[in-house]
C-alpha atoms as a PDB file:
ATOM      1  CA  MET A   1     115.343 256.604  96.225  1.00  0.00           C
ATOM      2  CA  ASP A   2     117.993 253.890  96.576  1.00  0.00           C
ATOM      3  CA  ASP A   3     121.741 254.057  96.014  1.00  0.00           C
ATOM      4  CA  LYS A   4     121.394 252.424  92.587  1.00  0.00           C
ATOM      5  CA  TRP A   5     119.074 255.213  91.433  1.00  0.00           C
ATOM      6  CA  ILE A   6     121.514 257.865  92.660  1.00  0.00           C
ATOM      7  CA  GLN A   7     124.413 256.205  90.845  1.00  0.00           C
ATOM      8  CA  ASN A   8     122.361 256.104  87.641  1.00  0.00           C
ATOM      9  CA  ILE A   9     121.269 259.749  87.782  1.00  0.00           C
ATOM     10  CA  ARG A  10     124.605 261.189  88.942  1.00  0.00           C
ATOM     11  CA  PRO A  11     126.391 261.103  85.511  1.00  0.00           C
ATOM     12  CA  ARG A  12     123.409 262.762  83.766  1.00  0.00           C
ATOM     13  CA  LEU A  13     123.102 265.470  86.400  1.00  0.00           C
ATOM     14  CA  THR A  14     126.862 266.080  86.396  1.00  0.00           C
ATOM     15  CA  GLU A  15     126.864 266.462  82.609  1.00  0.00           C
ATOM     16  CA  TYR A  16     123.886 268.845  82.796  1.00  0.00           C
ATOM     17  CA  LEU A  17     125.691 271.054  85.321  1.00  0.00           C
ATOM     18  CA  LYS A  18     128.872 270.966  83.248  1.00  0.00           C
ATOM     19  CA  VAL A  19     126.979 272.242  80.181  1.00  0.00           C
ATOM     20  CA  PHE A  20     124.621 274.799  81.733  1.00  0.00           C
ATOM     21  CA  TYR A  21     126.998 276.171  84.375  1.00  0.00           C
ATOM     22  CA  ILE A  22     130.230 276.101  82.390  1.00  0.00           C
ATOM     23  CA  ASP A  23     130.803 279.854  82.800  1.00  0.00           C
ATOM     24  CA  ASP A  24     130.467 279.563  86.583  1.00  0.00           C
ATOM     25  CA  ILE A  25     132.848 276.605  86.608  1.00  0.00           C
ATOM     26  CA  ILE A  26     135.451 278.351  84.445  1.00  0.00           C
ATOM     27  CA  SER A  27     135.266 281.565  86.478  1.00  0.00           C
ATOM     28  CA  LYS A  28     135.366 279.525  89.715  1.00  0.00           C
ATOM     29  CA  LYS A  29     132.297 281.282  91.054  1.00  0.00           C
ATOM     30  CA  ARG A  30     131.709 280.445  94.708  1.00  0.00           C
ATOM     31  CA  GLU A  31     127.924 280.873  95.022  1.00  0.00           C
ATOM     32  CA  ILE A  32     125.844 278.861  92.556  1.00  0.00           C
ATOM     33  CA  THR A  33     122.052 279.070  92.247  1.00  0.00           C
ATOM     34  CA  ILE A  34     120.550 276.141  90.341  1.00  0.00           C
ATOM     35  CA  ASP A  35     117.441 276.914  88.274  1.00  0.00           C
ATOM     36  CA  LEU A  36     115.129 273.985  89.092  1.00  0.00           C
ATOM     37  CA  ASP A  37     112.657 274.830  86.338  1.00  0.00           C
ATOM     38  CA  ASN A  38     115.437 274.394  83.793  1.00  0.00           C
ATOM     39  CA  VAL A  39     116.504 271.119  85.432  1.00  0.00           C
ATOM     40  CA  TYR A  40     112.934 269.853  85.047  1.00  0.00           C
ATOM     41  CA  LYS A  41     112.628 270.979  81.409  1.00  0.00           C
ATOM     42  CA  THR A  42     115.892 269.231  80.550  1.00  0.00           C
ATOM     43  CA  GLU A  43     114.259 265.858  81.233  1.00  0.00           C
ATOM     44  CA  LEU A  44     115.800 265.451  84.670  1.00  0.00           C
ATOM     45  CA  ILE A  45     112.354 264.942  86.176  1.00  0.00           C
ATOM     46  CA  GLU A  46     113.672 262.333  88.630  1.00  0.00           C
ATOM     47  CA  VAL A  47     115.926 264.956  90.204  1.00  0.00           C
ATOM     48  CA  MET A  48     112.925 267.197  90.885  1.00  0.00           C
ATOM     49  CA  GLU A  49     110.957 264.280  92.326  1.00  0.00           C
ATOM     50  CA  PHE A  50     113.884 263.511  94.628  1.00  0.00           C
ATOM     51  CA  LEU A  51     114.198 267.173  95.673  1.00  0.00           C
ATOM     52  CA  GLU A  52     110.480 267.398  96.344  1.00  0.00           C
ATOM     53  CA  GLU A  53     110.511 264.385  98.656  1.00  0.00           C
ATOM     54  CA  PHE A  54     113.993 264.754 100.193  1.00  0.00           C
ATOM     55  CA  PRO A  55     115.103 268.396  99.719  1.00  0.00           C
ATOM     56  CA  ASN A  56     118.137 268.242 102.020  1.00  0.00           C
ATOM     57  CA  ASP A  57     119.463 265.097 100.321  1.00  0.00           C
ATOM     58  CA  GLY A  58     118.557 266.539  96.912  1.00  0.00           C
ATOM     59  CA  ILE A  59     120.581 269.698  97.454  1.00  0.00           C
ATOM     60  CA  GLU A  60     123.473 267.582  98.711  1.00  0.00           C
ATOM     61  CA  LEU A  61     123.255 265.561  95.473  1.00  0.00           C
ATOM     62  CA  LEU A  62     123.329 268.790  93.427  1.00  0.00           C
ATOM     63  CA  GLU A  63     126.407 269.909  95.344  1.00  0.00           C
ATOM     64  CA  GLU A  64     128.203 266.586  94.845  1.00  0.00           C
ATOM     65  CA  CYS A  65     127.463 266.555  91.108  1.00  0.00           C
ATOM     66  CA  TYR A  66     128.540 270.180  90.718  1.00  0.00           C
ATOM     67  CA  ASN A  67     131.779 269.319  92.534  1.00  0.00           C
ATOM     68  CA  ASP A  68     132.324 266.436  90.081  1.00  0.00           C
ATOM     69  CA  ALA A  69     131.655 268.728  87.098  1.00  0.00           C
ATOM     70  CA  TYR A  70     133.990 271.370  88.522  1.00  0.00           C
ATOM     71  CA  TYR A  71     136.779 268.877  89.219  1.00  0.00           C
ATOM     72  CA  SER A  72     136.565 267.400  85.714  1.00  0.00           C
ATOM     73  CA  MET A  73     137.318 270.844  84.241  1.00  0.00           C
ATOM     74  CA  ASN A  74     139.584 272.477  86.835  1.00  0.00           C
ATOM     75  CA  CYS A  75     141.324 269.425  88.346  1.00  0.00           C
ATOM     76  CA  GLU A  76     140.802 270.766  91.852  1.00  0.00           C
ATOM     77  CA  LYS A  77     138.198 270.490  94.567  1.00  0.00           C
ATOM     78  CA  PRO A  78     135.838 273.495  94.636  1.00  0.00           C
ATOM     79  CA  ASP A  79     134.648 275.474  97.632  1.00  0.00           C
ATOM     80  CA  VAL A  80     131.108 276.323  96.541  1.00  0.00           C
ATOM     81  CA  ILE A  81     127.722 277.093  98.034  1.00  0.00           C
ATOM     82  CA  ILE A  82     124.749 275.584  96.210  1.00  0.00           C
ATOM     83  CA  THR A  83     121.207 276.907  96.434  1.00  0.00           C
ATOM     84  CA  VAL A  84     118.110 276.637  94.233  1.00  0.00           C
ATOM     85  CA  LYS A  85     115.419 278.840  92.702  1.00  0.00           C
ATOM     86  CA  ASN A  86     112.388 278.644  90.352  1.00  0.00           C
ATOM     87  CA  ILE A  87     110.547 275.529  91.520  1.00  0.00           C
ATOM     88  CA  PRO A  88     108.604 274.182  88.486  1.00  0.00           C
ATOM     89  CA  GLU A  89     104.847 274.778  88.565  1.00  0.00           C
ATOM     90  CA  GLU A  90     104.235 271.022  88.605  1.00  0.00           C
ATOM     91  CA  PHE A  91     106.109 270.743  91.917  1.00  0.00           C
ATOM     92  CA  GLN A  92     105.344 274.068  93.565  1.00  0.00           C
ATOM     93  CA  CYS A  93     104.084 274.064  97.107  1.00  0.00           C
ATOM     94  CA  ASN A  94     103.331 277.784  97.030  1.00  0.00           C
ATOM     95  CA  LEU A  95     101.850 278.693 100.397  1.00  0.00           C
ATOM     96  CA  GLU A  96     100.396 281.632 102.192  1.00  0.00           C
ATOM     97  CA  LEU A  97     102.622 282.089 105.216  1.00  0.00           C
ATOM     98  CA  GLN A  98      99.716 281.451 107.600  1.00  0.00           C
ATOM     99  CA  ASP A  99      98.974 278.071 105.952  1.00  0.00           C
ATOM    100  CA  LEU A 100     102.272 276.436 106.943  1.00  0.00           C
ATOM    101  CA  LYS A 101     101.420 273.152 108.731  1.00  0.00           C
ATOM    102  CA  SER A 102     102.876 269.849 109.914  1.00  0.00           C
ATOM    103  CA  ILE A 103     102.348 268.188 106.508  1.00  0.00           C
ATOM    104  CA  HIS A 104     104.977 270.546 105.095  1.00  0.00           C
ATOM    105  CA  ILE A 105     107.725 269.446 107.518  1.00  0.00           C
ATOM    106  CA  GLY A 106     110.780 268.293 105.587  1.00  0.00           C
ATOM    107  CA  LYS A 107     109.337 269.323 102.198  1.00  0.00           C
ATOM    108  CA  LEU A 108     110.373 272.030  99.749  1.00  0.00           C
ATOM    109  CA  VAL A 109     108.018 275.015 100.120  1.00  0.00           C
ATOM    110  CA  GLU A 110     107.764 278.550  98.797  1.00  0.00           C
ATOM    111  CA  PHE A 111     106.036 281.548 100.386  1.00  0.00           C
ATOM    112  CA  ASP A 112     106.145 285.337 100.590  1.00  0.00           C
ATOM    113  CA  GLY A 113     106.283 287.469 103.710  1.00  0.00           C
ATOM    114  CA  LYS A 114     107.079 290.942 104.978  1.00  0.00           C
ATOM    115  CA  ILE A 115     110.159 291.294 107.150  1.00  0.00           C
ATOM    116  CA  LYS A 116     109.233 292.375 110.660  1.00  0.00           C
ATOM    117  CA  ASN A 117     112.750 292.194 112.030  1.00  0.00           C
ATOM    118  CA  ALA A 118     116.112 290.869 110.936  1.00  0.00           C
ATOM    119  CA  LYS A 119     119.354 290.186 112.747  1.00  0.00           C
ATOM    120  CA  LYS A 120     122.845 290.735 111.419  1.00  0.00           C
ATOM    121  CA  ILE A 121     124.625 288.020 109.472  1.00  0.00           C
ATOM    122  CA  VAL A 122     126.697 285.540 111.441  1.00  0.00           C
ATOM    123  CA  SER A 123     129.150 282.876 110.318  1.00  0.00           C
ATOM    124  CA  GLY A 124     127.743 279.457 111.162  1.00  0.00           C
ATOM    125  CA  ILE A 125     128.873 275.872 110.717  1.00  0.00           C
ATOM    126  CA  LYS A 126     127.224 274.013 107.839  1.00  0.00           C
ATOM    127  CA  LYS A 127     129.522 270.989 107.933  1.00  0.00           C
ATOM    128  CA  LEU A 128     131.039 270.117 111.304  1.00  0.00           C
ATOM    129  CA  GLY A 129     134.362 268.308 111.492  1.00  0.00           C
ATOM    130  CA  LEU A 130     135.270 266.729 114.840  1.00  0.00           C
ATOM    131  CA  ILE A 131     138.347 264.851 116.029  1.00  0.00           C
ATOM    132  CA  CYS A 132     139.058 262.827 119.142  1.00  0.00           C
ATOM    133  CA  THR A 133     142.555 263.579 120.418  1.00  0.00           C
ATOM    134  CA  SER A 134     142.570 260.339 122.413  1.00  0.00           C
ATOM    135  CA  CYS A 135     141.921 257.733 119.711  1.00  0.00           C
ATOM    136  CA  GLY A 136     142.083 259.807 116.515  1.00  0.00           C
ATOM    137  CA  GLU A 137     138.465 259.184 115.478  1.00  0.00           C
ATOM    138  CA  ILE A 138     137.205 261.774 112.957  1.00  0.00           C
ATOM    139  CA  ARG A 139     133.519 262.514 112.393  1.00  0.00           C
ATOM    140  CA  ILE A 140     131.912 264.798 109.789  1.00  0.00           C
ATOM    141  CA  LYS A 141     128.316 265.954 110.333  1.00  0.00           C
ATOM    142  CA  ASN A 142     126.015 268.077 108.184  1.00  0.00           C
ATOM    143  CA  ILE A 143     124.360 270.822 110.237  1.00  0.00           C
ATOM    144  CA  ASP A 144     120.832 272.048 109.491  1.00  0.00           C
ATOM    145  CA  ASN A 145     120.707 274.731 112.174  1.00  0.00           C
ATOM    146  CA  PRO A 146     123.935 276.045 113.735  1.00  0.00           C
ATOM    147  CA  PHE A 147     121.908 278.026 116.295  1.00  0.00           C
ATOM    148  CA  GLU A 148     120.847 274.724 117.874  1.00  0.00           C
ATOM    149  CA  THR A 149     124.148 272.876 117.453  1.00  0.00           C
ATOM    150  CA  SER A 150     126.494 272.074 120.307  1.00  0.00           C
ATOM    151  CA  LEU A 151     130.225 271.702 119.738  1.00  0.00           C
ATOM    152  CA  GLU A 152     130.426 269.477 122.812  1.00  0.00           C
ATOM    153  CA  ASN A 153     130.469 265.914 121.472  1.00  0.00           C
ATOM    154  CA  SER A 154     131.678 262.612 122.878  1.00  0.00           C
ATOM    155  CA  CYS A 155     133.679 260.177 120.791  1.00  0.00           C
ATOM    156  CA  PRO A 156     131.528 257.164 119.772  1.00  0.00           C
ATOM    157  CA  ARG A 157     134.595 254.936 119.986  1.00  0.00           C
ATOM    158  CA  CYS A 158     136.207 255.844 123.325  1.00  0.00           C
ATOM    159  CA  ALA A 159     133.681 258.265 124.916  1.00  0.00           C
ATOM    160  CA  GLN A 160     136.283 261.031 125.292  1.00  0.00           C
ATOM    161  CA  ASN A 161     135.646 264.627 124.232  1.00  0.00           C
ATOM    162  CA  MET A 162     135.839 265.493 120.542  1.00  0.00           C
ATOM    163  CA  TYR A 163     137.171 268.831 119.321  1.00  0.00           C
ATOM    164  CA  LEU A 164     136.481 271.083 116.352  1.00  0.00           C
ATOM    165  CA  LEU A 165     138.461 270.183 113.241  1.00  0.00           C
ATOM    166  CA  ASN A 166     138.539 273.418 111.261  1.00  0.00           C
ATOM    167  CA  ASP A 167     140.114 271.937 108.128  1.00  0.00           C
ATOM    168  CA  GLU A 168     137.124 269.602 107.721  1.00  0.00           C
ATOM    169  CA  SER A 169     134.461 272.141 108.741  1.00  0.00           C
ATOM    170  CA  LYS A 170     132.551 274.453 106.413  1.00  0.00           C
ATOM    171  CA  TYR A 171     131.109 277.836 107.344  1.00  0.00           C
ATOM    172  CA  VAL A 172     128.432 279.893 105.580  1.00  0.00           C
ATOM    173  CA  ASP A 173     126.522 283.106 106.282  1.00  0.00           C
ATOM    174  CA  TYR A 174     123.334 282.718 108.319  1.00  0.00           C
ATOM    175  CA  GLN A 175     120.706 285.300 109.171  1.00  0.00           C
ATOM    176  CA  GLU A 176     117.639 285.118 111.402  1.00  0.00           C
ATOM    177  CA  ILE A 177     114.539 286.944 110.158  1.00  0.00           C
ATOM    178  CA  THR A 178     110.916 287.122 111.292  1.00  0.00           C
ATOM    179  CA  LEU A 179     108.151 287.472 108.706  1.00  0.00           C
ATOM    180  CA  ASN A 180     104.541 288.657 108.816  1.00  0.00           C
ATOM    181  CA  PRO A 181     101.872 287.549 106.294  1.00  0.00           C
ATOM    182  CA  ILE A 182     101.176 289.848 103.346  1.00  0.00           C
ATOM    183  CA  ASN A 183      97.625 288.587 102.738  1.00  0.00           C
ATOM    184  CA  LYS A 184      95.529 291.708 103.408  1.00  0.00           C
ATOM    185  CA  GLU A 185      92.285 289.763 103.905  1.00  0.00           C
ATOM    186  CA  PHE A 186      93.883 287.460 106.482  1.00  0.00           C
ATOM    187  CA  ASN A 187      95.541 290.359 108.292  1.00  0.00           C
ATOM    188  CA  SER A 188      92.282 292.346 108.443  1.00  0.00           C
ATOM    189  CA  LYS A 189      90.368 289.430 109.996  1.00  0.00           C
ATOM    190  CA  SER A 190      93.046 288.123 112.346  1.00  0.00           C
ATOM    191  CA  GLU A 191      93.185 289.396 115.913  1.00  0.00           C
ATOM    192  CA  LEU A 192      96.762 288.160 116.196  1.00  0.00           C
ATOM    193  CA  ILE A 193      99.901 289.366 114.456  1.00  0.00           C
ATOM    194  CA  LEU A 194     101.185 286.098 113.032  1.00  0.00           C
ATOM    195  CA  GLU A 195     104.954 285.691 112.866  1.00  0.00           C
ATOM    196  CA  GLN A 196     107.112 283.116 111.109  1.00  0.00           C
ATOM    197  CA  TYR A 197     110.719 282.564 112.121  1.00  0.00           C
ATOM    198  CA  VAL A 198     113.158 281.782 109.288  1.00  0.00           C
ATOM    199  CA  ILE A 199     116.858 280.957 109.363  1.00  0.00           C
ATOM    200  CA  LEU A 200     118.375 282.021 106.049  1.00  0.00           C
ATOM    201  CA  GLU A 201     121.274 279.856 104.928  1.00  0.00           C
ATOM    202  CA  ASN A 202     123.789 281.601 102.637  1.00  0.00           C
ATOM    203  CA  SER A 203     121.998 284.886 103.288  1.00  0.00           C
ATOM    204  CA  PRO A 204     122.988 287.848 101.085  1.00  0.00           C
ATOM    205  CA  GLY A 205     121.955 290.169 103.930  1.00  0.00           C
ATOM    206  CA  ILE A 206     118.374 291.349 103.713  1.00  0.00           C
ATOM    207  CA  TYR A 207     116.768 293.623 106.275  1.00  0.00           C
ATOM    208  CA  SER A 208     113.464 295.023 105.005  1.00  0.00           C
ATOM    209  CA  GLY A 209     110.700 294.667 102.436  1.00  0.00           C
ATOM    210  CA  VAL A 210     108.615 291.787 101.095  1.00  0.00           C
ATOM    211  CA  VAL A 211     110.596 288.649 100.273  1.00  0.00           C
ATOM    212  CA  LYS A 212     110.087 285.311  98.563  1.00  0.00           C
ATOM    213  CA  ILE A 213     111.463 282.352 100.495  1.00  0.00           C
ATOM    214  CA  ILE A 214     112.211 278.836  99.295  1.00  0.00           C
ATOM    215  CA  GLY A 215     112.820 276.709 102.332  1.00  0.00           C
ATOM    216  CA  ILE A 216     112.407 273.512 104.304  1.00  0.00           C
ATOM    217  CA  PRO A 217     110.164 273.593 107.403  1.00  0.00           C
ATOM    218  CA  TYR A 218     111.277 271.693 110.494  1.00  0.00           C
ATOM    219  CA  ARG A 219     110.083 271.180 114.074  1.00  0.00           C
ATOM    220  CA  LYS A 220     111.557 272.870 117.126  1.00  0.00           C
ATOM    221  CA  GLN A 221     110.455 271.587 120.522  1.00  0.00           C
ATOM    222  CA  ASN A 222     108.652 274.151 122.644  1.00  0.00           C
ATOM    223  CA  LYS A 223     110.364 273.816 126.045  1.00  0.00           C
ATOM    224  CA  LYS A 224     109.802 270.293 127.441  1.00  0.00           C
ATOM    225  CA  THR A 225     106.278 269.717 126.176  1.00  0.00           C
ATOM    226  CA  GLY A 226     104.884 267.642 123.326  1.00  0.00           C
ATOM    227  CA  VAL A 227     104.277 270.799 121.290  1.00  0.00           C
ATOM    228  CA  PHE A 228     106.653 271.860 118.531  1.00  0.00           C
ATOM    229  CA  ASP A 229     107.031 275.192 116.771  1.00  0.00           C
ATOM    230  CA  ILE A 230     107.301 275.088 112.978  1.00  0.00           C
ATOM    231  CA  MET A 231     110.485 276.825 111.856  1.00  0.00           C
ATOM    232  CA  VAL A 232     111.839 277.235 108.333  1.00  0.00           C
ATOM    233  CA  LYS A 233     115.364 276.808 107.029  1.00  0.00           C
ATOM    234  CA  GLY A 234     115.479 279.269 104.130  1.00  0.00           C
ATOM    235  CA  ILE A 235     117.704 278.121 101.269  1.00  0.00           C
ATOM    236  CA  TYR A 236     116.809 280.936  98.847  1.00  0.00           C
ATOM    237  CA  VAL A 237     115.583 284.490  99.400  1.00  0.00           C
ATOM    238  CA  GLU A 238     114.607 287.155  96.901  1.00  0.00           C
ATOM    239  CA  LYS A 239     113.321 290.648  97.639  1.00  0.00           C
ATOM    240  CA  ILE A 240     110.163 291.218  95.583  1.00  0.00           C
ATOM    241  CA  GLU A 241     109.074 294.563  96.999  1.00  0.00           C
ATOM    242  CA  ASP A 242     110.710 297.357  98.967  1.00  0.00           C
ATOM    243  CA  GLU A 243     109.160 298.432 102.233  1.00  0.00           C
ATOM    244  CA  LYS A 244     106.625 301.202 101.760  1.00  0.00           C
END
């Protein structure tokens, strides 16, 4: 999608968010979960097509439009966390955990799994602000995975060290979990215990049971070889069954 398309869809999406999330805007709620099925049924099909193809950019567009809707009513810049749920059936890539493959990299996927282990929540950088104290250059970067992000950066202008700019940085709760498949037939036939690593962004804190994940798979290089592990950035999690 080009910039012209984004400029055309932005007013419609902003108005939609202003109408359907007015209570959240008025109450200044910090965590907002956008119902994608409702977005689709409200004739914003292009937004779903954009999210399907470019989920990271699509969620950023949702956040920008929500910020515009919020500002138009409260006359101040919000500090919100945007996530999504309920992918429409027409766009669902509903997988068995063991079927996750390279074709799913960078796409919006949904799958269920049983938590094998979970780590405690940590505060991680989602938007990194950097400043060069030598020349004053400021850089803002969106961070997909804070666990693989270095704060050591060189200034692109003068090659000196850049330092963390807290006022321009944004932090959210992250949690690392490992899932096992829940497909009984697959588990009974497999000689291996398959595991899938997920980094939950904006995690509510979840430590056991069967969960539904909406996420975006990405590649992580396995040491210094040409082989990459498939990881998942989880942008929505819902417990669907307690551990038995």
